[in-house]
Protein backbone atom coordinates (compact mmCIF):
# COMPACT_ATOMS: atom_id res chain seq x y z
CA UNK A 1 0.00 0.00 0.00
CA UNK A 2 1.44 3.38 -0.98
CA UNK A 3 2.19 6.23 1.44
CA UNK A 4 -0.50 8.33 -0.27
CA UNK A 5 -3.11 5.65 0.37
CA UNK A 6 -1.94 5.27 3.98
CA UNK A 7 -2.16 9.01 4.58
CA UNK A 8 -5.62 9.17 2.98
CA UNK A 9 -6.85 6.30 5.12
CA UNK A 10 -5.47 7.89 8.29
CA UNK A 11 -7.03 11.25 7.38
CA UNK A 12 -10.41 9.59 6.87
CA UNK A 13 -10.16 7.80 10.20
CA UNK A 14 -9.12 11.00 11.99
CA UNK A 15 -12.01 12.96 10.49
CA UNK A 16 -14.47 10.25 11.47
CA UNK A 17 -13.05 10.07 14.98
CA UNK A 18 -13.17 13.85 15.32
CA UNK A 19 -16.81 13.94 14.26
CA UNK A 20 -17.67 11.21 16.74
CA UNK A 21 -15.96 13.02 19.60
CA UNK A 22 -17.43 16.39 18.67
CA UNK A 23 -20.93 14.97 18.60
CA UNK A 24 -20.47 13.57 22.10
CA UNK A 25 -18.94 16.76 23.51
CA UNK A 26 -15.65 15.10 24.42
CA UNK A 27 -13.34 17.34 22.42
CA UNK A 28 -13.65 20.07 25.05
CA UNK A 29 -11.56 18.03 27.46
CA UNK A 30 -8.61 17.82 25.09
CA UNK A 31 -7.89 21.55 24.81
CA UNK A 32 -5.94 24.07 26.83
CA UNK A 33 -2.43 22.64 26.74
CA UNK A 34 0.88 23.58 25.20
CA UNK A 35 1.56 20.19 23.62
CA UNK A 36 1.09 19.76 19.87
CA UNK A 37 -1.37 17.09 20.93
CA UNK A 38 -3.24 15.78 17.89
CA UNK A 39 -5.93 13.10 17.98
CA UNK A 40 -3.86 10.86 15.71
CA UNK A 41 -1.02 10.74 18.30
CA UNK A 42 -3.36 9.33 20.90
CA UNK A 43 -5.04 6.96 18.47
CA UNK A 44 -1.71 5.46 17.29
CA UNK A 45 -2.30 6.77 13.77
CA UNK A 46 0.44 9.41 13.68
CA UNK A 47 3.91 9.00 12.22
CA UNK A 48 6.54 8.31 14.89
CA UNK A 49 8.10 11.44 16.42
CA UNK A 50 11.71 12.01 17.49
CA UNK A 51 13.48 14.73 19.48
CA UNK A 52 17.12 15.19 20.52
CA UNK A 53 18.76 16.51 23.70
CA UNK A 54 22.49 17.36 24.02
CA UNK A 55 23.41 16.59 27.66
CA UNK A 56 27.21 16.20 27.53
CA UNK A 57 28.87 18.95 29.64
CA UNK A 58 31.91 20.52 28.00
CA UNK A 59 31.27 18.80 24.66
CA UNK A 60 31.41 20.73 21.37
CA UNK A 61 28.43 21.36 19.13
CA UNK A 62 27.09 18.18 17.56
CA UNK A 63 24.96 17.06 14.64
CA UNK A 64 22.55 14.14 14.73
CA UNK A 65 22.50 12.06 11.55
CA UNK A 66 19.52 9.80 10.86
CA UNK A 67 19.81 7.01 8.29
CA UNK A 68 22.75 8.81 6.69
CA UNK A 69 21.25 12.32 6.57
CA UNK A 70 21.86 15.20 8.99
CA UNK A 71 18.75 16.17 10.94
CA UNK A 72 17.74 19.77 10.25
CA UNK A 73 16.31 19.90 13.78
CA UNK A 74 19.62 18.86 15.36
CA UNK A 75 22.48 20.24 13.26
CA UNK A 76 25.42 22.06 14.90
CA UNK A 77 23.63 22.29 18.26
CA UNK A 78 25.27 23.13 21.63
CA UNK A 79 25.18 21.59 25.09
CA UNK A 80 21.73 21.86 26.70
CA UNK A 81 20.00 22.07 23.34
CA UNK A 82 16.70 20.21 23.06
CA UNK A 83 14.66 19.98 19.87
CA UNK A 84 10.93 19.83 19.45
CA UNK A 85 9.46 16.54 18.26
CA UNK A 86 9.46 16.00 14.51
CA UNK A 87 8.06 13.22 12.33
CA UNK A 88 10.18 10.25 11.24
CA UNK A 89 9.38 7.13 9.22
CA UNK A 90 8.15 3.82 10.56
CA UNK A 91 11.29 1.96 9.51
CA UNK A 92 14.36 1.15 11.62
CA UNK A 93 15.90 4.45 12.67
CA UNK A 94 19.70 4.49 12.71
CA UNK A 95 21.27 7.47 14.49
CA UNK A 96 24.85 8.72 14.38
CA UNK A 97 26.11 11.55 16.61
CA UNK A 98 28.93 13.57 15.09
CA UNK A 99 31.11 16.49 16.11
CA UNK A 100 29.74 19.38 14.06
CA UNK A 101 33.10 20.93 13.21
CA UNK A 102 34.84 17.73 12.06
CA UNK A 103 32.02 15.28 11.25
CA UNK A 104 33.76 12.72 13.49
CA UNK A 105 31.33 10.05 14.68
CA UNK A 106 31.24 9.72 18.47
CA UNK A 107 28.18 7.51 19.13
CA UNK A 108 25.56 5.43 17.33
CA UNK A 109 22.27 3.74 18.12
CA UNK A 110 19.19 2.37 16.35
CA UNK A 111 15.60 1.50 17.17
CA UNK A 112 12.41 0.41 15.36
CA UNK A 113 10.12 3.45 15.13
CA UNK A 114 6.47 2.56 15.71
CA UNK A 115 3.43 4.53 14.62
CA UNK A 116 1.94 6.63 17.41
CA UNK A 117 5.09 6.49 19.59
CA UNK A 118 7.35 9.36 20.63
CA UNK A 119 11.12 8.94 20.95
CA UNK A 120 13.68 11.05 22.78
CA UNK A 121 17.39 10.48 22.11
CA UNK A 122 19.76 12.00 24.68
CA UNK A 123 23.53 12.37 24.25
CA UNK A 124 25.15 11.47 27.60
CA UNK A 125 28.79 11.37 28.75
CA UNK A 126 30.63 8.11 29.46
CA UNK A 127 34.04 7.56 31.06
CA UNK A 128 35.56 7.35 27.59
CA UNK A 129 33.28 9.44 25.37
CA UNK A 130 29.59 9.75 24.56
CA UNK A 131 26.57 7.45 24.33
CA UNK A 132 23.05 7.84 22.96
CA UNK A 133 20.15 6.92 25.24
CA UNK A 134 16.76 6.56 23.54
CA UNK A 135 13.44 6.72 25.42
CA UNK A 136 10.45 5.07 23.76
CA UNK A 137 7.20 6.71 24.89
CA UNK A 138 4.18 4.70 23.67
CA UNK A 139 1.98 7.77 24.31
CA UNK A 140 -1.04 5.77 25.41
CA UNK A 141 -3.01 8.81 26.49
CA UNK A 142 -6.78 8.79 26.69
CA UNK A 143 -8.60 10.71 23.98
CA UNK A 144 -10.57 12.54 26.67
CA UNK A 145 -7.70 13.40 29.03
CA UNK A 146 -6.23 16.88 29.39
CA UNK A 147 -3.63 15.81 31.96
CA UNK A 148 -0.01 16.83 31.59
CA UNK A 149 2.70 14.18 31.23
CA UNK A 150 6.15 14.31 32.84
CA UNK A 151 9.28 12.16 32.86
CA UNK A 152 12.63 12.55 34.68
CA UNK A 153 16.19 11.66 33.65
CA UNK A 154 19.24 11.84 35.91
CA UNK A 155 22.11 13.06 33.69
CA UNK A 156 24.03 14.73 36.53
CA UNK A 157 27.27 12.82 36.98
CA UNK A 158 27.92 14.75 40.21
CA UNK A 159 24.63 13.81 41.88
CA UNK A 160 24.00 10.84 44.12
CA UNK A 161 20.80 8.86 43.67
CA UNK A 162 17.97 11.19 44.56
CA UNK A 163 14.27 11.23 45.32
CA UNK A 164 11.97 13.46 43.27
CA UNK A 165 9.13 15.31 44.99
CA UNK A 166 6.49 16.85 42.73
CA UNK A 167 4.01 18.63 45.00
CA UNK A 168 1.89 21.71 45.39
CA UNK A 169 4.14 24.63 46.37
CA UNK A 170 5.19 24.68 50.02
CA UNK A 171 4.04 21.19 50.98
CA UNK A 172 6.01 19.81 53.95
CA UNK A 173 8.12 16.94 52.57
CA UNK A 174 7.78 15.12 55.88
CA UNK A 175 4.09 14.62 55.10
CA UNK A 176 4.42 13.12 51.61
CA UNK A 177 6.22 10.33 49.78
CA UNK A 178 8.48 11.00 46.79
CA UNK A 179 6.92 10.72 43.35
CA UNK A 180 10.13 8.98 42.20
CA UNK A 181 12.51 7.18 44.55
CA UNK A 182 16.30 6.76 44.27
CA UNK A 183 16.79 7.97 40.70
CA UNK A 184 20.35 6.94 39.80
CA UNK A 185 22.71 8.37 37.22
CA UNK A 186 21.51 7.71 33.66
CA UNK A 187 18.22 6.28 34.92
CA UNK A 188 14.90 7.29 33.36
CA UNK A 189 11.57 7.25 35.21
CA UNK A 190 9.17 6.12 33.92
CA UNK A 191 11.50 3.79 32.03
CA UNK A 192 11.58 3.48 28.26
CA UNK A 193 8.50 1.77 26.73
CA UNK A 194 6.40 2.94 29.72
CA UNK A 195 4.05 5.91 29.59
CA UNK A 196 4.96 9.20 31.24
CA UNK A 197 3.53 10.15 34.64
CA UNK A 198 0.20 11.94 34.24
CA UNK A 199 -0.60 14.90 36.49
CA UNK A 200 -3.27 17.58 36.44
CA UNK A 201 -2.28 20.95 35.04
CA UNK A 202 -1.44 23.49 37.74
CA UNK A 203 1.35 24.93 39.90
CA UNK A 204 3.94 22.52 41.24
CA UNK A 205 7.17 22.65 43.19
CA UNK A 206 9.96 20.21 42.28
CA UNK A 207 12.39 19.19 45.00
CA UNK A 208 15.27 16.72 44.90
CA UNK A 209 16.62 15.06 48.04
CA UNK A 210 19.29 12.42 48.63
CA UNK A 211 17.57 9.05 48.44
CA UNK A 212 15.69 8.47 51.70
CA UNK A 213 16.21 12.02 52.97
CA UNK A 214 13.68 14.82 53.47
CA UNK A 215 16.26 17.60 53.07
CA UNK A 216 16.22 19.12 49.60
CA UNK A 217 19.46 19.95 47.80
CA UNK A 218 17.47 21.33 44.86
CA UNK A 219 14.17 23.16 44.91
CA UNK A 220 12.30 25.17 42.31
CA UNK A 221 9.93 28.04 42.76
CA UNK A 222 6.37 27.32 41.66
CA UNK A 223 6.30 25.90 38.12
CA UNK A 224 3.11 26.24 36.06
CA UNK A 225 2.47 22.93 34.30
CA UNK A 226 -0.07 23.42 31.48
CA UNK A 227 -2.92 21.08 30.69
CA UNK A 228 -1.87 18.59 27.98
CA UNK A 229 1.79 19.51 28.50
CA UNK A 230 4.38 16.86 27.64
CA UNK A 231 7.50 17.65 29.66
CA UNK A 232 10.87 15.96 30.11
CA UNK A 233 13.06 17.01 33.06
CA UNK A 234 16.81 16.30 32.71
CA UNK A 235 19.00 16.80 35.78
CA UNK A 236 22.39 18.26 34.74
CA UNK A 237 25.44 19.46 36.68
CA UNK A 238 25.15 23.11 37.62
CA UNK A 239 27.29 25.28 35.34
CA UNK A 240 30.84 25.47 36.70
CA UNK A 241 30.10 22.99 39.49
CA UNK A 242 30.47 19.60 37.80
CA UNK A 243 32.79 18.42 40.60
CA UNK A 244 30.56 19.69 43.43
CA UNK A 245 28.30 16.93 44.80
CA UNK A 246 24.58 17.50 44.28
CA UNK A 247 24.97 20.91 42.61
CA UNK A 248 22.47 20.47 39.80
CA UNK A 249 19.90 22.25 37.67
CA UNK A 250 16.96 20.90 35.71
CA UNK A 251 16.71 21.22 31.95
CA UNK A 252 13.04 21.30 31.01
CA UNK A 253 12.36 20.04 27.47
CA UNK A 254 8.85 20.99 26.34
CA UNK A 255 6.75 19.54 23.52
CA UNK A 256 4.96 22.58 22.14
CA UNK A 257 4.98 24.97 19.19
CA UNK A 258 7.75 27.30 20.40
CA UNK A 259 11.03 27.62 18.50
CA UNK A 260 13.06 27.01 21.68
CA UNK A 261 12.03 23.78 23.39
CA UNK A 262 14.04 24.22 26.60
CA UNK A 263 14.06 26.15 29.87
CA UNK A 264 16.64 25.91 32.64
CA UNK A 265 15.36 25.62 36.20
CA UNK A 266 17.81 26.64 38.92
CA UNK A 267 17.59 25.94 42.63
CA UNK A 268 16.24 28.28 45.27
CA UNK A 269 18.21 26.51 48.04
């Protein structure tokens, strides 16, 4: 079956689904967010999506090459760059990370891209170079949900395993349990192939504590999480403090329509 036929069939299904939802009044619940959150993503009809995050402190600008071709969304990009999601094909995706100035290959990976899934590839440091970590998000989100979705990655080589508290601002940590416990270096929660954590849109405070402790070494001010937001938080060493234990910041990578997909969150403690 040709791509044109596939696209036509998907378009017909999407239109029919949209009419069904509109007639039942359910489309109202899907609005209000900052995510480019189409019905076909949730219904597993959309092309796979990929985004890239450069999380290697001190590394030069890099270019991500997919199946032999440089990615326009990730060409000559610096440390702490994060792209928006963009469509890729449903074939096996082979990625090569190269130094932008020399085209020298420093890491490779591959994965089978599945329709309706979202993929995040993160460049991380190793003891001898760089590696590519890919997160497969099946994006099994209800058609009627307007919840936000969040995921955390520990890419801070100077941080011990930490607990993540995601609460209303000012909540006493002694009265609550961590949302994520003992997140170790290079760990992702929820793990790849699992869906992101769903939370209601609203104001939240993010605090990080040593695993098992209630004393925060990182704390944000109130962060407004939008309805239907799709956010990735990447813990990185604080600038100039890579050798200082637990001196970190959070890189927020947003899925929305803005040209710049990232914000840096620094600590108030």
